[in-house]
């Protein structure tokens, strides 16, 4: 898991659809707060996973530590890893 990679929500752009918090299989979001996405377990986020960002219809998710390189191998948990980037 990643200490320097986790999602950041732009609450101005967020439409509070709940897709990100319901999608994430790693427990990064507090599902009890859904549909408002609240990151409560940032250390559970997988380094270079863009899964929730790809699911967000509003484009309201960015990542601390994003260097623009999504070509890191996936997390291998079966959450949608296509072999090139985790979760998507």
N, C-alpha and C. Protein backbone atom coordinates (compact mmCIF):
# COMPACT_ATOMS: atom_id res chain seq x y z
N UNK A 1 0.84 -1.17 0.00
CA UNK A 1 0.00 0.00 0.00
C UNK A 1 0.89 1.25 0.00
N UNK A 2 0.28 2.38 -0.22
CA UNK A 2 1.07 3.58 -0.49
C UNK A 2 0.98 4.61 0.62
N UNK A 3 2.13 5.09 1.04
CA UNK A 3 2.17 6.15 2.05
C UNK A 3 2.14 7.53 1.41
N UNK A 4 2.53 7.61 0.13
CA UNK A 4 2.60 8.89 -0.55
C UNK A 4 1.70 8.93 -1.78
N UNK A 5 0.62 8.18 -1.75
CA UNK A 5 -0.33 8.14 -2.87
C UNK A 5 -1.72 7.92 -2.29
N UNK A 6 -2.60 8.85 -2.51
CA UNK A 6 -3.98 8.68 -2.08
C UNK A 6 -4.86 9.72 -2.76
N UNK A 7 -6.16 9.45 -2.86
CA UNK A 7 -7.05 10.37 -3.56
C UNK A 7 -7.35 11.63 -2.76
N UNK A 8 -7.52 12.71 -3.51
CA UNK A 8 -7.93 13.99 -2.95
C UNK A 8 -9.19 14.40 -3.71
N UNK A 9 -10.23 14.75 -2.98
CA UNK A 9 -11.50 15.10 -3.58
C UNK A 9 -11.65 16.61 -3.73
N UNK A 10 -12.03 17.04 -4.93
CA UNK A 10 -12.37 18.44 -5.17
C UNK A 10 -13.87 18.55 -4.88
N UNK A 11 -14.21 18.99 -3.69
CA UNK A 11 -15.61 19.02 -3.27
C UNK A 11 -16.45 20.05 -4.02
N UNK A 12 -15.81 21.00 -4.68
CA UNK A 12 -16.54 21.96 -5.52
C UNK A 12 -17.04 21.25 -6.78
N UNK A 13 -16.19 20.40 -7.36
CA UNK A 13 -16.55 19.67 -8.58
C UNK A 13 -17.37 18.41 -8.30
N UNK A 14 -17.21 17.83 -7.12
CA UNK A 14 -17.88 16.57 -6.76
C UNK A 14 -19.39 16.71 -6.81
N UNK A 15 -20.05 15.73 -7.44
CA UNK A 15 -21.51 15.72 -7.53
C UNK A 15 -22.14 14.77 -6.50
N UNK A 16 -21.31 14.23 -5.62
CA UNK A 16 -21.75 13.33 -4.55
C UNK A 16 -22.62 12.18 -5.07
N UNK A 17 -22.08 11.48 -6.07
CA UNK A 17 -22.79 10.34 -6.65
C UNK A 17 -22.50 9.05 -5.89
N UNK A 18 -21.39 8.99 -5.14
CA UNK A 18 -21.03 7.82 -4.37
C UNK A 18 -20.30 6.74 -5.14
N UNK A 19 -20.06 6.97 -6.43
CA UNK A 19 -19.41 5.94 -7.25
C UNK A 19 -18.02 5.60 -6.74
N UNK A 20 -17.22 6.59 -6.40
CA UNK A 20 -15.85 6.33 -5.97
C UNK A 20 -15.80 5.52 -4.68
N UNK A 21 -16.57 5.94 -3.70
CA UNK A 21 -16.52 5.24 -2.41
C UNK A 21 -17.11 3.84 -2.51
N UNK A 22 -18.07 3.64 -3.39
CA UNK A 22 -18.63 2.31 -3.59
C UNK A 22 -17.74 1.43 -4.46
N UNK A 23 -16.94 2.04 -5.34
CA UNK A 23 -16.06 1.29 -6.23
C UNK A 23 -14.82 0.75 -5.53
N UNK A 24 -14.19 1.55 -4.70
CA UNK A 24 -12.89 1.21 -4.13
C UNK A 24 -12.93 -0.06 -3.28
N UNK A 25 -12.19 -1.11 -3.70
CA UNK A 25 -12.16 -2.35 -2.94
C UNK A 25 -11.11 -2.36 -1.83
N UNK A 26 -10.41 -1.25 -1.67
CA UNK A 26 -9.30 -1.21 -0.71
C UNK A 26 -9.66 -0.54 0.61
N UNK A 27 -10.88 -0.05 0.75
CA UNK A 27 -11.30 0.56 2.01
C UNK A 27 -10.75 1.94 2.27
N UNK A 28 -10.44 2.67 1.20
CA UNK A 28 -9.88 4.01 1.35
C UNK A 28 -10.94 5.00 1.84
N UNK A 29 -12.17 4.81 1.38
CA UNK A 29 -13.26 5.74 1.70
C UNK A 29 -14.11 5.22 2.85
N UNK A 30 -14.69 6.14 3.60
CA UNK A 30 -15.63 5.80 4.66
C UNK A 30 -17.00 5.63 4.01
N UNK A 31 -17.42 4.39 3.80
CA UNK A 31 -18.68 4.12 3.11
C UNK A 31 -19.90 4.61 3.89
N UNK A 32 -19.76 4.82 5.18
CA UNK A 32 -20.89 5.32 5.96
C UNK A 32 -21.20 6.78 5.63
N UNK A 33 -20.25 7.47 5.00
CA UNK A 33 -20.42 8.88 4.61
C UNK A 33 -20.96 9.00 3.18
N UNK A 34 -21.03 7.89 2.45
CA UNK A 34 -21.47 7.91 1.07
C UNK A 34 -22.91 8.44 0.97
N UNK A 35 -23.21 9.27 -0.01
CA UNK A 35 -22.49 9.45 -1.26
C UNK A 35 -21.37 10.49 -1.21
N UNK A 36 -21.17 11.16 -0.08
CA UNK A 36 -20.06 12.11 0.03
C UNK A 36 -18.77 11.31 0.21
N UNK A 37 -17.80 11.48 -0.70
CA UNK A 37 -16.56 10.73 -0.58
C UNK A 37 -15.64 11.31 0.50
N UNK A 38 -15.37 10.52 1.51
CA UNK A 38 -14.49 10.95 2.60
C UNK A 38 -13.36 9.93 2.70
N UNK A 39 -12.13 10.39 2.45
CA UNK A 39 -10.96 9.52 2.52
C UNK A 39 -10.56 9.39 3.98
N UNK A 40 -10.73 8.19 4.53
CA UNK A 40 -10.40 7.97 5.94
C UNK A 40 -9.23 7.00 6.13
N UNK A 41 -8.90 6.26 5.08
CA UNK A 41 -7.81 5.29 5.17
C UNK A 41 -6.84 5.48 4.00
N UNK A 42 -6.17 6.63 3.92
CA UNK A 42 -5.31 6.89 2.76
C UNK A 42 -4.18 5.88 2.60
N UNK A 43 -3.72 5.29 3.68
CA UNK A 43 -2.62 4.32 3.57
C UNK A 43 -3.04 3.02 2.90
N UNK A 44 -4.35 2.79 2.76
CA UNK A 44 -4.84 1.60 2.09
C UNK A 44 -4.88 1.75 0.57
N UNK A 45 -4.71 2.97 0.08
CA UNK A 45 -4.72 3.21 -1.37
C UNK A 45 -3.49 2.55 -1.99
N UNK A 46 -3.68 1.96 -3.15
CA UNK A 46 -2.60 1.27 -3.85
C UNK A 46 -1.83 2.26 -4.71
N UNK A 47 -0.52 2.25 -4.59
CA UNK A 47 0.35 3.16 -5.33
C UNK A 47 0.03 3.12 -6.83
N UNK A 48 -0.29 4.27 -7.38
CA UNK A 48 -0.61 4.48 -8.79
C UNK A 48 -1.93 3.85 -9.24
N UNK A 49 -2.78 3.48 -8.34
CA UNK A 49 -4.14 3.05 -8.69
C UNK A 49 -4.92 4.31 -9.08
N UNK A 50 -5.58 4.27 -10.20
CA UNK A 50 -6.42 5.38 -10.67
C UNK A 50 -7.87 4.94 -10.77
N UNK A 51 -8.23 3.86 -10.10
CA UNK A 51 -9.56 3.27 -10.24
C UNK A 51 -10.70 4.22 -9.94
N UNK A 52 -10.68 4.86 -8.79
CA UNK A 52 -11.79 5.74 -8.43
C UNK A 52 -11.81 6.98 -9.31
N UNK A 53 -10.63 7.47 -9.69
CA UNK A 53 -10.56 8.63 -10.58
C UNK A 53 -11.20 8.32 -11.93
N UNK A 54 -10.95 7.13 -12.45
CA UNK A 54 -11.51 6.73 -13.74
C UNK A 54 -13.02 6.55 -13.66
N UNK A 55 -13.53 6.24 -12.48
CA UNK A 55 -14.97 6.05 -12.30
C UNK A 55 -15.72 7.37 -12.10
N UNK A 56 -15.02 8.41 -11.70
CA UNK A 56 -15.65 9.68 -11.33
C UNK A 56 -16.20 10.42 -12.55
N UNK A 57 -17.52 10.61 -12.63
CA UNK A 57 -18.10 11.30 -13.78
C UNK A 57 -17.84 12.81 -13.78
N UNK A 58 -17.46 13.36 -12.63
CA UNK A 58 -17.23 14.80 -12.52
C UNK A 58 -15.76 15.19 -12.64
N UNK A 59 -14.86 14.20 -12.65
CA UNK A 59 -13.43 14.50 -12.70
C UNK A 59 -12.95 15.19 -11.43
N UNK A 60 -13.53 14.82 -10.31
CA UNK A 60 -13.26 15.50 -9.04
C UNK A 60 -12.18 14.84 -8.20
N UNK A 61 -11.47 13.86 -8.75
CA UNK A 61 -10.47 13.14 -7.96
C UNK A 61 -9.09 13.29 -8.58
N UNK A 62 -8.14 13.69 -7.74
CA UNK A 62 -6.73 13.72 -8.11
C UNK A 62 -6.00 12.94 -7.02
N UNK A 63 -4.70 12.84 -7.13
CA UNK A 63 -3.94 12.05 -6.15
C UNK A 63 -2.73 12.80 -5.64
N UNK A 64 -2.50 12.71 -4.35
CA UNK A 64 -1.24 13.16 -3.78
C UNK A 64 -0.19 12.20 -4.31
N UNK A 65 0.89 12.75 -4.83
CA UNK A 65 1.98 11.92 -5.34
C UNK A 65 1.85 11.57 -6.81
N UNK A 66 0.83 12.09 -7.51
CA UNK A 66 0.65 11.75 -8.92
C UNK A 66 1.75 12.39 -9.75
N UNK A 67 2.54 11.55 -10.40
CA UNK A 67 3.62 12.03 -11.25
C UNK A 67 3.27 11.88 -12.72
N UNK A 68 2.02 11.49 -13.01
CA UNK A 68 1.58 11.31 -14.38
C UNK A 68 1.95 9.98 -14.97
N UNK A 69 2.59 9.10 -14.20
CA UNK A 69 3.01 7.79 -14.70
C UNK A 69 2.07 6.73 -14.16
N UNK A 70 1.07 6.35 -14.97
CA UNK A 70 0.12 5.33 -14.53
C UNK A 70 0.53 3.94 -15.02
N UNK A 71 1.70 3.81 -15.59
CA UNK A 71 2.13 2.54 -16.15
C UNK A 71 2.75 1.60 -15.15
N UNK A 72 2.48 1.77 -13.89
CA UNK A 72 2.99 0.89 -12.86
C UNK A 72 2.08 -0.33 -12.78
N UNK A 73 2.64 -1.50 -12.58
CA UNK A 73 1.81 -2.70 -12.55
C UNK A 73 0.75 -2.60 -11.46
N UNK A 74 -0.37 -3.24 -11.72
CA UNK A 74 -1.54 -3.15 -10.86
C UNK A 74 -1.37 -3.81 -9.51
N UNK A 75 -2.40 -3.70 -8.71
CA UNK A 75 -2.33 -4.19 -7.33
C UNK A 75 -2.54 -5.69 -7.24
N UNK A 76 -3.13 -6.30 -8.26
CA UNK A 76 -3.29 -7.74 -8.26
C UNK A 76 -4.41 -8.26 -7.38
N UNK A 77 -5.32 -7.39 -6.94
CA UNK A 77 -6.39 -7.83 -6.04
C UNK A 77 -7.64 -8.26 -6.80
N UNK A 78 -7.63 -8.10 -8.12
CA UNK A 78 -8.79 -8.47 -8.91
C UNK A 78 -9.82 -7.36 -9.02
N UNK A 79 -9.45 -6.15 -8.72
CA UNK A 79 -10.40 -5.05 -8.73
C UNK A 79 -10.52 -4.37 -10.10
N UNK A 80 -9.98 -4.99 -11.13
CA UNK A 80 -10.06 -4.43 -12.46
C UNK A 80 -8.71 -4.19 -13.08
N UNK A 81 -7.67 -4.73 -12.46
CA UNK A 81 -6.30 -4.57 -12.95
C UNK A 81 -6.22 -5.13 -14.37
N UNK A 82 -5.83 -4.29 -15.33
CA UNK A 82 -5.70 -4.73 -16.70
C UNK A 82 -4.27 -5.13 -17.06
N UNK A 83 -3.42 -5.23 -16.06
CA UNK A 83 -2.05 -5.61 -16.27
C UNK A 83 -1.12 -4.43 -16.47
N UNK A 84 -1.68 -3.24 -16.71
CA UNK A 84 -0.86 -2.07 -16.92
C UNK A 84 -1.04 -1.04 -15.82
N UNK A 85 -2.27 -0.88 -15.37
CA UNK A 85 -2.51 0.07 -14.29
C UNK A 85 -3.64 -0.47 -13.42
N UNK A 86 -3.52 -0.25 -12.16
CA UNK A 86 -4.46 -0.83 -11.21
C UNK A 86 -5.87 -0.27 -11.38
N UNK A 87 -6.83 -1.10 -11.23
CA UNK A 87 -8.25 -0.73 -11.13
C UNK A 87 -8.80 -0.04 -12.36
N UNK A 88 -8.32 -0.35 -13.50
CA UNK A 88 -9.02 0.30 -14.53
C UNK A 88 -8.64 0.23 -15.91
